[in-house]
Amino acid sequence: MSLKYQPTNAKIQAVIDVLKKEHPGSAIETLGYDFDSYDVILEHGSGIFIIGIKLSRATIQTVFKFMLYSKAISQRYSGKSVHMKLYAPSISADAKVAFPKAGGQFQKLGAARGKASAVKVSSPGSWKVACYFIKNTESTINQASVKTGVSYPWTRSVVKKLVELGAFEEKGRNVRLSNIDELFKCVAWERPINSLMGLDFKSCYQDEQEALHELYSNVEGMIPKSACTLFTAADLYLEGVASGGCIQLYADENAAQVVKSLMGEGDGVSFQIYNPDRELENEIYSIDDVQVVSMEQAILDLAGLGAMGADSAKVLAQKYSSE
């Protein structure tokens, strides 16, 4: 990670240090800086992140500036998803409404300290907590900790972060999910799923179900085992069959090559294969003999697509909460 300008303000430097830790090896480029703000572009995988660190109150003018940045950067990085995140000690009421509508995420500067600042909502333990509150309309932190098996201090840190982001709401001892859009924006920011893309090809099969049944009649022995995710998983959970002309699944590098060999190359159904970034073997289910990730993982992955996957993630979350 390289910087054209090294900030001297401690608060700005603290944010930069977190970005370096969360996105090792990513390229970061300065957009602009003055006595009050420091704006950068961070390129990570297939995602582009516009990050603003403001030392004074963010206003509607700040939002307009980010919208101009986004338009210019979208043209510069054609084909890549662009995300906006703004750090500031406070934000005006009109800016607070406008920024999320423009696709941005606001975080209070200096709000998270200690363990809370290190919390990643998309990490396996944290996501268990998030999913607990997707499924349970209102509950306590202690109940979430007991039911998920996540330690109470970590559960508390996850809840604290999501309250700060506006995704969760606390009323006395009770906690509830108040804004699922903010939860999904956080996931898209932390874990853009397309950064895990490993292999993309068109197979010889013209029908998704035929391809999947052929694949999973031969899948034994693959380590780790492959499993459908994203829109393929959503189709299987919601409709019982895959559709859309593309099969999306997890498989490590060796397993991905086996999949490609079995499916052949042609002008048929597309395959998008993602490298797993966590242990999935105990979270694989079977739908009509087709292997699929857990519903929790599928929601996480869809949210990681940003706006492209948010609607499907919401529909799957509704099904998940009703079961």
Protein backbone atom coordinates (compact mmCIF):
# COMPACT_ATOMS: atom_id res chain seq x y z
CA MET A 1 0.00 0.00 0.00
CA SER A 2 1.50 3.33 -1.01
CA LEU A 3 0.57 6.90 -0.13
CA LYS A 4 1.38 10.10 -2.03
CA TYR A 5 0.77 12.07 1.17
CA GLN A 6 1.30 10.98 4.75
CA PRO A 7 -1.24 12.58 7.13
CA THR A 8 0.06 14.03 10.37
CA ASN A 9 -3.26 14.22 12.26
CA ALA A 10 -3.58 11.34 14.74
CA LYS A 11 -7.27 10.67 14.00
CA ILE A 12 -6.67 10.53 10.26
CA GLN A 13 -3.63 8.33 10.73
CA ALA A 14 -5.63 5.93 12.93
CA VAL A 15 -8.16 5.39 10.12
CA ILE A 16 -5.39 4.87 7.57
CA ASP A 17 -3.75 2.31 9.88
CA VAL A 18 -7.03 0.37 10.11
CA LEU A 19 -7.38 0.42 6.30
CA LYS A 20 -3.85 -0.93 5.92
CA LYS A 21 -4.63 -3.73 8.34
CA GLU A 22 -7.99 -4.66 6.79
CA HIS A 23 -6.80 -4.44 3.16
CA PRO A 24 -3.15 -5.56 3.12
CA GLY A 25 -1.38 -4.98 -0.17
CA SER A 26 -4.11 -2.76 -1.59
CA ALA A 27 -3.29 0.36 -3.59
CA ILE A 28 -4.30 3.65 -2.01
CA GLU A 29 -4.21 6.98 -3.82
CA THR A 30 -4.76 10.45 -2.41
CA LEU A 31 -7.68 12.38 -3.92
CA GLY A 32 -7.28 15.55 -1.89
CA TYR A 33 -6.35 16.91 1.52
CA ASP A 34 -6.43 20.15 3.53
CA PHE A 35 -6.48 21.14 7.18
CA ASP A 36 -9.94 19.59 7.65
CA SER A 37 -10.18 16.48 5.46
CA TYR A 38 -8.25 13.72 3.74
CA ASP A 39 -9.82 11.82 0.80
CA VAL A 40 -8.40 8.69 -0.79
CA ILE A 41 -9.21 5.93 -3.30
CA LEU A 42 -8.50 2.39 -2.17
CA GLU A 43 -8.41 -0.35 -4.82
CA HIS A 44 -9.07 -3.82 -3.41
CA GLY A 45 -9.80 -6.76 -5.71
CA SER A 46 -12.70 -5.80 -7.98
CA GLY A 47 -13.87 -3.03 -5.66
CA ILE A 48 -12.97 0.65 -5.55
CA PHE A 49 -13.47 2.46 -2.24
CA ILE A 50 -13.71 6.24 -1.93
CA ILE A 51 -12.82 7.11 1.64
CA GLY A 52 -13.19 10.52 3.25
CA ILE A 53 -11.82 11.39 6.69
CA LYS A 54 -13.20 14.71 7.90
CA LEU A 55 -12.19 16.37 11.18
CA SER A 56 -15.23 18.65 11.37
CA ARG A 57 -18.95 18.10 10.82
CA ALA A 58 -19.92 16.55 7.47
CA THR A 59 -22.48 18.58 5.52
CA ILE A 60 -24.55 18.22 2.37
CA GLN A 61 -21.64 19.83 0.50
CA THR A 62 -19.49 16.91 1.64
CA VAL A 63 -22.03 14.53 0.13
CA PHE A 64 -22.06 16.45 -3.16
CA LYS A 65 -18.27 16.21 -3.29
CA PHE A 66 -18.43 12.43 -2.82
CA MET A 67 -21.07 12.10 -5.52
CA LEU A 68 -18.78 13.93 -7.96
CA TYR A 69 -15.88 11.70 -6.91
CA SER A 70 -18.04 8.61 -7.47
CA LYS A 71 -19.12 9.68 -10.95
CA ALA A 72 -15.56 10.41 -12.06
CA ILE A 73 -14.10 7.27 -10.52
CA SER A 74 -16.83 5.03 -11.98
CA GLN A 75 -15.78 6.24 -15.43
CA ARG A 76 -12.12 5.75 -14.62
CA TYR A 77 -12.59 2.22 -13.25
CA SER A 78 -15.21 0.94 -15.67
CA GLY A 79 -16.62 -2.45 -14.67
CA LYS A 80 -15.59 -2.20 -11.01
CA SER A 81 -18.00 -1.59 -8.13
CA VAL A 82 -17.52 1.74 -6.36
CA HIS A 83 -18.22 2.14 -2.62
CA MET A 84 -18.15 5.32 -0.54
CA LYS A 85 -17.35 5.64 3.15
CA LEU A 86 -17.12 8.82 5.19
CA TYR A 87 -15.58 9.26 8.64
CA ALA A 88 -16.48 12.43 10.56
CA PRO A 89 -17.21 13.39 14.19
CA SER A 90 -20.80 14.31 13.20
CA ILE A 91 -23.03 14.75 10.17
CA SER A 92 -25.83 17.21 9.39
CA ALA A 93 -29.40 15.91 9.20
CA ASP A 94 -29.78 16.48 5.44
CA ALA A 95 -26.39 14.87 4.72
CA LYS A 96 -27.29 11.88 6.93
CA VAL A 97 -30.35 11.28 4.74
CA ALA A 98 -28.67 11.99 1.39
CA PHE A 99 -25.43 10.04 1.81
CA PRO A 100 -26.96 6.53 2.20
CA LYS A 101 -29.29 7.28 -0.73
CA ALA A 102 -26.19 7.99 -2.82
CA GLY A 103 -24.77 4.61 -1.78
CA GLY A 104 -22.46 5.88 0.95
CA GLN A 105 -21.77 4.68 4.47
CA PHE A 106 -21.11 7.04 7.38
CA GLN A 107 -19.09 6.16 10.48
CA LYS A 108 -18.51 8.46 13.41
CA LEU A 109 -14.84 9.37 13.61
CA GLY A 110 -13.24 8.03 16.77
CA ALA A 111 -16.48 6.31 17.87
CA ALA A 112 -15.00 2.82 17.97
CA ARG A 113 -12.09 2.15 20.30
CA GLY A 114 -10.29 -0.87 21.63
CA LYS A 115 -11.78 -4.18 20.56
CA ALA A 116 -14.78 -2.56 18.89
CA SER A 117 -12.50 -0.86 16.34
CA ALA A 118 -11.13 -4.26 15.31
CA VAL A 119 -14.56 -5.86 14.83
CA LYS A 120 -15.32 -7.07 11.32
CA VAL A 121 -19.02 -7.77 10.93
CA SER A 122 -18.29 -10.16 8.07
CA SER A 123 -15.95 -12.39 10.12
CA PRO A 124 -17.41 -15.84 10.98
CA GLY A 125 -18.10 -15.17 14.67
CA SER A 126 -19.45 -11.66 14.11
CA TRP A 127 -21.72 -12.83 11.31
CA LYS A 128 -23.25 -15.44 13.63
CA VAL A 129 -24.26 -12.58 15.91
CA ALA A 130 -25.64 -10.52 13.03
CA CYS A 131 -27.66 -13.48 11.76
CA TYR A 132 -29.03 -14.14 15.25
CA PHE A 133 -30.63 -10.71 15.19
CA ILE A 134 -31.87 -11.19 11.61
CA LYS A 135 -33.73 -14.27 12.82
CA ASN A 136 -34.78 -12.96 16.24
CA THR A 137 -36.79 -9.76 16.06
CA GLU A 138 -35.69 -8.54 19.48
CA SER A 139 -33.34 -10.11 21.99
CA THR A 140 -30.55 -9.34 24.46
CA ILE A 141 -26.79 -9.45 23.99
CA ASN A 142 -26.54 -12.22 26.58
CA GLN A 143 -29.11 -14.37 24.77
CA ALA A 144 -27.29 -13.82 21.46
CA SER A 145 -23.99 -14.83 23.04
CA VAL A 146 -25.44 -18.02 24.55
CA LYS A 147 -27.30 -19.09 21.41
CA THR A 148 -24.44 -18.41 18.98
CA GLY A 149 -21.59 -19.62 21.18
CA VAL A 150 -19.76 -16.31 20.62
CA SER A 151 -18.19 -14.81 23.74
CA TYR A 152 -20.16 -12.08 25.50
CA PRO A 153 -17.44 -9.39 25.08
CA TRP A 154 -17.19 -10.05 21.33
CA THR A 155 -20.98 -10.18 20.92
CA ARG A 156 -21.19 -6.86 22.73
CA SER A 157 -18.52 -5.36 20.45
CA VAL A 158 -20.37 -6.52 17.32
CA VAL A 159 -23.64 -5.06 18.57
CA LYS A 160 -21.91 -1.80 19.53
CA LYS A 161 -20.42 -1.42 16.06
CA LEU A 162 -23.74 -2.14 14.33
CA VAL A 163 -25.54 0.33 16.59
CA GLU A 164 -22.96 2.98 15.63
CA LEU A 165 -23.50 2.20 11.94
CA GLY A 166 -27.29 2.54 12.32
CA ALA A 167 -28.00 -1.12 11.53
CA PHE A 168 -28.99 -2.11 15.09
CA GLU A 169 -30.97 -0.28 17.75
CA GLU A 170 -30.76 -0.69 21.52
CA LYS A 171 -33.75 -0.17 23.79
CA GLY A 172 -32.73 -0.83 27.36
CA ARG A 173 -31.31 -4.36 27.41
CA ASN A 174 -33.01 -5.35 24.16
CA VAL A 175 -31.39 -5.15 20.73
CA ARG A 176 -33.07 -5.33 17.33
CA LEU A 177 -32.12 -5.09 13.68
CA SER A 178 -33.41 -1.67 12.61
CA ASN A 179 -31.85 -1.14 9.16
CA ILE A 180 -30.78 -4.18 7.16
CA ASP A 181 -29.50 -1.94 4.35
CA GLU A 182 -26.83 -0.52 6.67
CA LEU A 183 -25.87 -4.04 7.73
CA PHE A 184 -25.42 -5.12 4.11
CA LYS A 185 -23.47 -1.96 3.22
CA CYS A 186 -21.05 -2.79 6.01
CA VAL A 187 -20.57 -6.30 4.60
CA ALA A 188 -20.02 -4.99 1.06
CA TRP A 189 -17.40 -2.61 2.40
CA GLU A 190 -15.55 -5.20 4.49
CA ARG A 191 -15.82 -8.25 2.24
CA PRO A 192 -16.46 -7.54 -1.45
CA ILE A 193 -17.16 -11.07 -2.66
CA ASN A 194 -15.79 -10.48 -6.15
CA SER A 195 -12.30 -10.13 -4.65
CA LEU A 196 -12.52 -13.90 -4.05
CA MET A 197 -13.20 -14.74 -7.72
CA GLY A 198 -10.89 -17.52 -8.86
CA LEU A 199 -12.19 -19.01 -12.11
CA ASP A 200 -14.79 -17.95 -14.67
CA PHE A 201 -15.66 -20.06 -17.73
CA LYS A 202 -18.50 -21.31 -19.93
CA SER A 203 -19.26 -25.02 -19.79
CA CYS A 204 -20.52 -27.57 -22.31
CA TYR A 205 -23.83 -27.92 -20.43
CA GLN A 206 -26.90 -26.00 -21.60
CA ASP A 207 -29.00 -26.67 -18.49
CA GLU A 208 -28.10 -25.64 -14.93
CA GLN A 209 -29.75 -28.59 -13.21
CA GLU A 210 -28.10 -31.11 -15.53
CA ALA A 211 -24.70 -29.51 -14.92
CA LEU A 212 -25.16 -29.45 -11.15
CA HIS A 213 -26.32 -33.06 -10.93
CA GLU A 214 -23.40 -34.17 -13.09
CA LEU A 215 -21.01 -32.17 -10.93
CA TYR A 216 -22.28 -33.48 -7.61
CA SER A 217 -22.43 -37.10 -8.69
CA ASN A 218 -18.64 -36.77 -9.06
CA VAL A 219 -17.83 -34.38 -6.23
CA GLU A 220 -16.76 -36.88 -3.55
CA GLY A 221 -13.09 -36.56 -2.75
CA MET A 222 -12.85 -32.83 -3.47
CA ILE A 223 -11.12 -31.07 -0.53
CA PRO A 224 -12.59 -28.76 0.49
CA LYS A 225 -15.86 -29.80 -1.08
CA SER A 226 -17.41 -27.27 -3.42
CA ALA A 227 -20.77 -25.70 -2.64
CA CYS A 228 -23.10 -23.37 -4.51
CA THR A 229 -23.40 -19.79 -3.31
CA LEU A 230 -24.69 -16.32 -4.29
CA PHE A 231 -27.63 -16.33 -6.76
CA THR A 232 -27.34 -20.08 -7.34
CA ALA A 233 -27.74 -20.72 -3.62
CA ALA A 234 -30.61 -18.22 -3.42
CA ASP A 235 -32.41 -19.96 -6.31
CA LEU A 236 -31.96 -23.35 -4.64
CA TYR A 237 -33.24 -22.13 -1.27
CA LEU A 238 -36.14 -20.11 -2.66
CA GLU A 239 -37.20 -22.10 -5.75
CA GLY A 240 -35.51 -25.49 -5.37
CA VAL A 241 -33.80 -25.19 -8.78
CA ALA A 242 -30.98 -23.10 -10.23
CA SER A 243 -31.61 -20.69 -13.09
CA GLY A 244 -30.15 -17.62 -14.74
CA GLY A 245 -27.53 -19.24 -16.94
CA CYS A 246 -24.72 -19.01 -14.39
CA ILE A 247 -23.65 -21.33 -11.58
CA GLN A 248 -21.73 -19.71 -8.72
CA LEU A 249 -19.89 -21.84 -6.20
CA TYR A 250 -16.98 -22.08 -3.80
CA ALA A 251 -14.06 -24.40 -4.51
CA ASP A 252 -10.37 -24.16 -3.73
CA GLU A 253 -7.87 -23.90 -6.59
CA ASN A 254 -7.48 -27.66 -7.09
CA ALA A 255 -11.20 -28.36 -6.83
CA ALA A 256 -11.94 -25.53 -9.27
CA GLN A 257 -9.76 -27.20 -11.90
CA VAL A 258 -11.60 -30.50 -11.32
CA VAL A 259 -14.93 -28.69 -11.81
CA LYS A 260 -13.70 -27.14 -15.05
CA SER A 261 -12.47 -30.54 -16.28
CA LEU A 262 -15.79 -32.23 -15.47
CA MET A 263 -17.94 -29.49 -17.02
CA GLY A 264 -15.82 -28.92 -20.11
CA GLU A 265 -15.61 -25.67 -22.02
CA GLY A 266 -18.19 -24.53 -24.55
CA ASP A 267 -20.96 -22.01 -25.03
CA GLY A 268 -23.30 -23.27 -22.31
CA VAL A 269 -23.94 -22.43 -18.67
CA SER A 270 -21.33 -20.12 -17.13
CA PHE A 271 -19.42 -21.07 -13.99
CA GLN A 272 -18.06 -18.52 -11.53
CA ILE A 273 -15.87 -20.16 -8.91
CA TYR A 274 -14.80 -18.35 -5.74
CA ASN A 275 -11.88 -19.15 -3.45
CA PRO A 276 -13.19 -19.90 0.07
CA ASP A 277 -11.83 -17.51 2.69
CA ARG A 278 -13.18 -19.52 5.64
CA GLU A 279 -13.94 -23.10 6.65
CA LEU A 280 -17.13 -24.21 4.88
CA GLU A 281 -17.09 -27.98 5.27
CA ASN A 282 -19.37 -27.97 8.34
CA GLU A 283 -21.70 -25.43 6.70
CA ILE A 284 -22.59 -27.33 3.54
CA TYR A 285 -26.14 -28.53 2.95
CA SER A 286 -27.85 -30.59 0.25
CA ILE A 287 -30.85 -29.55 -1.83
CA ASP A 288 -31.95 -32.28 -4.24
CA ASP A 289 -28.43 -33.77 -3.96
CA VAL A 290 -26.83 -30.45 -4.90
CA GLN A 291 -24.39 -29.01 -2.36
CA VAL A 292 -25.06 -25.47 -1.19
CA VAL A 293 -23.61 -23.18 1.48
CA SER A 294 -25.69 -22.39 4.56
CA MET A 295 -28.38 -19.75 4.22
CA GLU A 296 -26.36 -17.50 6.55
CA GLN A 297 -23.33 -17.74 4.25
CA ALA A 298 -25.43 -17.14 1.14
CA ILE A 299 -26.87 -13.95 2.66
CA LEU A 300 -23.35 -12.79 3.55
CA ASP A 301 -22.08 -13.47 0.04
CA LEU A 302 -25.01 -11.73 -1.67
CA ALA A 303 -24.53 -8.70 0.57
CA GLY A 304 -20.88 -8.71 -0.50
CA LEU A 305 -22.01 -7.89 -4.06
CA GLY A 306 -23.19 -4.48 -2.88
CA ALA A 307 -26.24 -3.02 -4.64
CA MET A 308 -26.20 -5.86 -7.18
CA GLY A 309 -26.99 -8.48 -4.55
CA ALA A 310 -28.82 -6.47 -1.86
CA ASP A 311 -32.37 -7.24 -3.02
CA SER A 312 -31.72 -10.99 -3.23
CA ALA A 313 -29.99 -10.88 0.15
CA LYS A 314 -33.10 -9.25 1.65
CA VAL A 315 -35.42 -11.86 0.17
CA LEU A 316 -33.25 -14.68 1.48
CA ALA A 317 -32.99 -12.95 4.88
CA GLN A 318 -36.81 -12.83 5.04
CA LYS A 319 -37.00 -16.57 4.40
CA TYR A 320 -34.24 -17.17 6.96
CA SER A 321 -36.02 -15.12 9.64
CA SER A 322 -39.29 -16.98 9.06
CA GLU A 323 -37.86 -20.49 9.50
